[in-house]
Amino acid sequence: MPDGLMQLLDPEAIVLGSDASTNEEIIRILAGRLEMLGYVKSSYADAVVRRELTIPTGLPLERPDNVAVPHTDPKHVLKPGIAMGTLKQPVTFANMEDPDEMLPVGFVFLLAINDKDKQIEALQAVMAIIQNPQALDGLRSARTLEDVRAVLG
């Protein structure tokens, strides 16, 4: 796994098996963690939710539980970090490739990046996980931070 994801993924910004029932709810839960931990401004959650409406971030993986990578403008970010959520039941995100198509999403990587180079690095690290079905299956069954570390290692 490329360097980067565990460095940027704050252990306290990992939410496993969330009961969230909408994409806005999981975004706000994860954004709340990033705000509490000092990564983002109080404007960040609203900005991500608004951006998702016009520029969706659902990634079609042809799984029953796809991935979304919501994010927003750097001006809402104080320092780079990633929050990750897994969902008990998938929530709906629009497909970034076809915004009219709704995707069931089981994994959300919320990116708070204020630097273009870091953004590319973060996306590459997330992509490496996303392209590995075993890693996603491992994250889906993860119940503890140790489980997550074992998958993302």
C-alpha atoms as a PDB file:
ATOM      1  CA  MET A   1       0.000   0.000   0.000  1.00  0.00           C
ATOM      2  CA  PRO A   2       1.391   3.409  -0.892  1.00  0.00           C
ATOM      3  CA  ASP A   3       2.697   5.578   1.832  1.00  0.00           C
ATOM      4  CA  GLY A   4       0.175   8.121   2.860  1.00  0.00           C
ATOM      5  CA  LEU A   5      -3.181   6.709   3.838  1.00  0.00           C
ATOM      6  CA  MET A   6      -2.383   5.770   7.461  1.00  0.00           C
ATOM      7  CA  GLN A   7      -0.371   9.015   7.773  1.00  0.00           C
ATOM      8  CA  LEU A   8      -3.313  11.106   6.656  1.00  0.00           C
ATOM      9  CA  LEU A   9      -6.065   8.959   8.172  1.00  0.00           C
ATOM     10  CA  ASP A  10      -6.549  10.141  11.757  1.00  0.00           C
ATOM     11  CA  PRO A  11      -7.442   7.172  14.018  1.00  0.00           C
ATOM     12  CA  GLU A  12     -10.006   9.381  15.749  1.00  0.00           C
ATOM     13  CA  ALA A  13     -11.602  10.208  12.403  1.00  0.00           C
ATOM     14  CA  ILE A  14     -12.443   6.578  11.647  1.00  0.00           C
ATOM     15  CA  VAL A  15     -16.089   5.580  12.092  1.00  0.00           C
ATOM     16  CA  LEU A  16     -16.815   1.866  11.666  1.00  0.00           C
ATOM     17  CA  GLY A  17     -20.258   0.421  11.055  1.00  0.00           C
ATOM     18  CA  SER A  18     -22.081   3.768  11.061  1.00  0.00           C
ATOM     19  CA  ASP A  19     -25.885   3.780  11.221  1.00  0.00           C
ATOM     20  CA  ALA A  20     -26.023   6.875   8.974  1.00  0.00           C
ATOM     21  CA  SER A  21     -28.868   6.558   6.483  1.00  0.00           C
ATOM     22  CA  THR A  22     -28.016   9.342   3.980  1.00  0.00           C
ATOM     23  CA  ASN A  23     -24.865  10.609   2.309  1.00  0.00           C
ATOM     24  CA  GLU A  24     -25.301  13.969   4.053  1.00  0.00           C
ATOM     25  CA  GLU A  25     -25.493  12.275   7.451  1.00  0.00           C
ATOM     26  CA  ILE A  26     -22.259  10.291   7.014  1.00  0.00           C
ATOM     27  CA  ILE A  27     -20.485  13.355   5.556  1.00  0.00           C
ATOM     28  CA  ARG A  28     -21.544  15.431   8.583  1.00  0.00           C
ATOM     29  CA  ILE A  29     -20.494  12.705  11.054  1.00  0.00           C
ATOM     30  CA  LEU A  30     -17.042  12.436   9.483  1.00  0.00           C
ATOM     31  CA  ALA A  31     -16.673  16.212   8.995  1.00  0.00           C
ATOM     32  CA  GLY A  32     -17.570  16.668  12.667  1.00  0.00           C
ATOM     33  CA  ARG A  33     -14.655  14.411  13.628  1.00  0.00           C
ATOM     34  CA  LEU A  34     -12.251  16.358  11.391  1.00  0.00           C
ATOM     35  CA  GLU A  35     -13.482  19.661  12.810  1.00  0.00           C
ATOM     36  CA  MET A  36     -13.164  18.455  16.415  1.00  0.00           C
ATOM     37  CA  LEU A  37      -9.608  17.270  15.670  1.00  0.00           C
ATOM     38  CA  GLY A  38      -8.597  20.626  14.164  1.00  0.00           C
ATOM     39  CA  TYR A  39      -8.306  19.635  10.495  1.00  0.00           C
ATOM     40  CA  VAL A  40     -11.106  21.765   9.085  1.00  0.00           C
ATOM     41  CA  LYS A  41     -13.065  24.959   9.688  1.00  0.00           C
ATOM     42  CA  SER A  42     -16.683  24.958  10.839  1.00  0.00           C
ATOM     43  CA  SER A  43     -17.673  25.834   7.240  1.00  0.00           C
ATOM     44  CA  TYR A  44     -16.250  22.549   5.904  1.00  0.00           C
ATOM     45  CA  ALA A  45     -19.236  20.201   6.416  1.00  0.00           C
ATOM     46  CA  ASP A  46     -21.717  22.512   4.648  1.00  0.00           C
ATOM     47  CA  ALA A  47     -19.233  23.087   1.821  1.00  0.00           C
ATOM     48  CA  VAL A  48     -18.747  19.334   1.266  1.00  0.00           C
ATOM     49  CA  VAL A  49     -22.506  18.661   1.330  1.00  0.00           C
ATOM     50  CA  ARG A  50     -23.111  21.503  -1.155  1.00  0.00           C
ATOM     51  CA  ARG A  51     -20.342  20.339  -3.499  1.00  0.00           C
ATOM     52  CA  GLU A  52     -21.668  16.779  -3.456  1.00  0.00           C
ATOM     53  CA  LEU A  53     -24.972  18.030  -4.897  1.00  0.00           C
ATOM     54  CA  THR A  54     -23.311  19.422  -8.010  1.00  0.00           C
ATOM     55  CA  ILE A  55     -20.046  17.457  -8.282  1.00  0.00           C
ATOM     56  CA  PRO A  56     -20.780  13.992  -6.889  1.00  0.00           C
ATOM     57  CA  THR A  57     -18.005  11.694  -5.702  1.00  0.00           C
ATOM     58  CA  GLY A  58     -19.465   8.169  -5.830  1.00  0.00           C
ATOM     59  CA  LEU A  59     -17.045   5.728  -7.473  1.00  0.00           C
ATOM     60  CA  PRO A  60     -18.675   2.819  -9.304  1.00  0.00           C
ATOM     61  CA  LEU A  61     -16.850  -0.404  -8.427  1.00  0.00           C
ATOM     62  CA  GLU A  62     -19.638  -2.772  -9.442  1.00  0.00           C
ATOM     63  CA  ARG A  63     -20.008  -3.840  -5.811  1.00  0.00           C
ATOM     64  CA  PRO A  64     -23.084  -3.748  -3.584  1.00  0.00           C
ATOM     65  CA  ASP A  65     -21.042  -1.322  -1.448  1.00  0.00           C
ATOM     66  CA  ASN A  66     -19.183   1.218  -3.581  1.00  0.00           C
ATOM     67  CA  VAL A  67     -16.877   4.022  -2.424  1.00  0.00           C
ATOM     68  CA  ALA A  68     -17.309   7.800  -2.227  1.00  0.00           C
ATOM     69  CA  VAL A  69     -14.532  10.374  -1.788  1.00  0.00           C
ATOM     70  CA  PRO A  70     -16.273  13.632  -0.837  1.00  0.00           C
ATOM     71  CA  HIS A  71     -14.143  16.760  -0.462  1.00  0.00           C
ATOM     72  CA  THR A  72     -14.306  20.516  -0.996  1.00  0.00           C
ATOM     73  CA  ASP A  73     -12.258  23.664  -1.560  1.00  0.00           C
ATOM     74  CA  PRO A  74      -8.973  24.011   0.328  1.00  0.00           C
ATOM     75  CA  LYS A  75     -10.145  27.290   1.917  1.00  0.00           C
ATOM     76  CA  HIS A  76     -12.224  25.227   4.380  1.00  0.00           C
ATOM     77  CA  VAL A  77      -9.224  23.099   5.407  1.00  0.00           C
ATOM     78  CA  LEU A  78      -6.732  23.943   8.180  1.00  0.00           C
ATOM     79  CA  LYS A  79      -4.386  20.957   7.776  1.00  0.00           C
ATOM     80  CA  PRO A  80      -4.450  17.817   5.635  1.00  0.00           C
ATOM     81  CA  GLY A  81      -6.290  14.786   6.925  1.00  0.00           C
ATOM     82  CA  ILE A  82      -8.678  12.024   5.919  1.00  0.00           C
ATOM     83  CA  ALA A  83     -11.700  10.668   7.745  1.00  0.00           C
ATOM     84  CA  MET A  84     -13.062   7.247   6.869  1.00  0.00           C
ATOM     85  CA  GLY A  85     -16.465   5.747   7.501  1.00  0.00           C
ATOM     86  CA  THR A  86     -17.902   2.328   6.854  1.00  0.00           C
ATOM     87  CA  LEU A  87     -21.664   1.915   6.836  1.00  0.00           C
ATOM     88  CA  LYS A  88     -23.865  -0.846   8.247  1.00  0.00           C
ATOM     89  CA  GLN A  89     -26.243  -0.321   5.330  1.00  0.00           C
ATOM     90  CA  PRO A  90     -25.100   1.397   2.137  1.00  0.00           C
ATOM     91  CA  VAL A  91     -26.214   4.997   1.567  1.00  0.00           C
ATOM     92  CA  THR A  92     -26.781   6.580  -1.828  1.00  0.00           C
ATOM     93  CA  PHE A  93     -24.245   8.811  -3.556  1.00  0.00           C
ATOM     94  CA  ALA A  94     -24.450   9.987  -7.155  1.00  0.00           C
ATOM     95  CA  ASN A  95     -21.935   8.453  -9.554  1.00  0.00           C
ATOM     96  CA  MET A  96     -19.083  10.879 -10.353  1.00  0.00           C
ATOM     97  CA  GLU A  97     -19.005   9.517 -13.921  1.00  0.00           C
ATOM     98  CA  ASP A  98     -22.779   9.731 -14.438  1.00  0.00           C
ATOM     99  CA  PRO A  99     -24.446  12.047 -11.897  1.00  0.00           C
ATOM    100  CA  ASP A 100     -27.928  10.757 -12.816  1.00  0.00           C
ATOM    101  CA  GLU A 101     -26.988   7.293 -11.588  1.00  0.00           C
ATOM    102  CA  MET A 102     -27.306   6.607  -7.868  1.00  0.00           C
ATOM    103  CA  LEU A 103     -24.802   4.220  -6.285  1.00  0.00           C
ATOM    104  CA  PRO A 104     -25.055   2.297  -3.025  1.00  0.00           C
ATOM    105  CA  VAL A 105     -21.961   3.332  -1.030  1.00  0.00           C
ATOM    106  CA  GLY A 106     -20.539   1.404   1.905  1.00  0.00           C
ATOM    107  CA  PHE A 107     -17.220   3.235   2.336  1.00  0.00           C
ATOM    108  CA  VAL A 108     -16.653   6.981   2.575  1.00  0.00           C
ATOM    109  CA  PHE A 109     -13.201   8.572   2.528  1.00  0.00           C
ATOM    110  CA  LEU A 110     -13.686  12.241   3.421  1.00  0.00           C
ATOM    111  CA  LEU A 111     -10.662  14.181   2.189  1.00  0.00           C
ATOM    112  CA  ALA A 112      -9.510  17.396   3.853  1.00  0.00           C
ATOM    113  CA  ILE A 113      -6.616  18.481   1.699  1.00  0.00           C
ATOM    114  CA  ASN A 114      -5.276  22.013   1.285  1.00  0.00           C
ATOM    115  CA  ASP A 115      -2.318  21.305  -0.937  1.00  0.00           C
ATOM    116  CA  LYS A 116      -2.428  20.023  -4.517  1.00  0.00           C
ATOM    117  CA  ASP A 117       0.516  17.607  -4.089  1.00  0.00           C
ATOM    118  CA  LYS A 118      -0.994  16.129  -0.937  1.00  0.00           C
ATOM    119  CA  GLN A 119      -4.333  15.798  -2.721  1.00  0.00           C
ATOM    120  CA  ILE A 120      -2.786  13.679  -5.465  1.00  0.00           C
ATOM    121  CA  GLU A 121      -0.936  11.591  -2.858  1.00  0.00           C
ATOM    122  CA  ALA A 122      -4.123  11.138  -0.813  1.00  0.00           C
ATOM    123  CA  LEU A 123      -6.183  10.150  -3.836  1.00  0.00           C
ATOM    124  CA  GLN A 124      -3.513   7.674  -4.948  1.00  0.00           C
ATOM    125  CA  ALA A 125      -3.458   6.103  -1.482  1.00  0.00           C
ATOM    126  CA  VAL A 126      -7.266   5.865  -1.444  1.00  0.00           C
ATOM    127  CA  MET A 127      -7.304   4.498  -5.006  1.00  0.00           C
ATOM    128  CA  ALA A 128      -4.878   1.724  -4.044  1.00  0.00           C
ATOM    129  CA  ILE A 129      -7.366   0.556  -1.394  1.00  0.00           C
ATOM    130  CA  ILE A 130     -10.374   0.996  -3.645  1.00  0.00           C
ATOM    131  CA  GLN A 131      -8.845  -1.127  -6.375  1.00  0.00           C
ATOM    132  CA  ASN A 132      -8.187  -3.958  -3.940  1.00  0.00           C
ATOM    133  CA  PRO A 133     -11.399  -5.933  -3.277  1.00  0.00           C
ATOM    134  CA  GLN A 134      -9.751  -7.826  -0.403  1.00  0.00           C
ATOM    135  CA  ALA A 135      -8.848  -4.537   1.300  1.00  0.00           C
ATOM    136  CA  LEU A 136     -12.429  -3.285   0.988  1.00  0.00           C
ATOM    137  CA  ASP A 137     -13.780  -6.580   2.326  1.00  0.00           C
ATOM    138  CA  GLY A 138     -11.323  -6.289   5.222  1.00  0.00           C
ATOM    139  CA  LEU A 139     -12.433  -2.731   5.974  1.00  0.00           C
ATOM    140  CA  ARG A 140     -16.076  -3.744   5.788  1.00  0.00           C
ATOM    141  CA  SER A 141     -15.576  -6.331   8.493  1.00  0.00           C
ATOM    142  CA  ALA A 142     -13.210  -4.135  10.561  1.00  0.00           C
ATOM    143  CA  ARG A 143     -14.535  -3.443  14.049  1.00  0.00           C
ATOM    144  CA  THR A 144     -11.493  -1.814  15.654  1.00  0.00           C
ATOM    145  CA  LEU A 145      -8.648   0.517  14.762  1.00  0.00           C
ATOM    146  CA  GLU A 146      -6.328  -2.499  14.896  1.00  0.00           C
ATOM    147  CA  ASP A 147      -8.457  -4.220  12.246  1.00  0.00           C
ATOM    148  CA  VAL A 148      -8.159  -1.110  10.053  1.00  0.00           C
ATOM    149  CA  ARG A 149      -4.385  -0.927  10.586  1.00  0.00           C
ATOM    150  CA  ALA A 150      -4.074  -4.608   9.651  1.00  0.00           C
ATOM    151  CA  VAL A 151      -5.852  -3.923   6.331  1.00  0.00           C
ATOM    152  CA  LEU A 152      -4.161  -0.619   5.505  1.00  0.00           C
ATOM    153  CA  GLY A 153      -0.873  -1.607   7.142  1.00  0.00           C
END
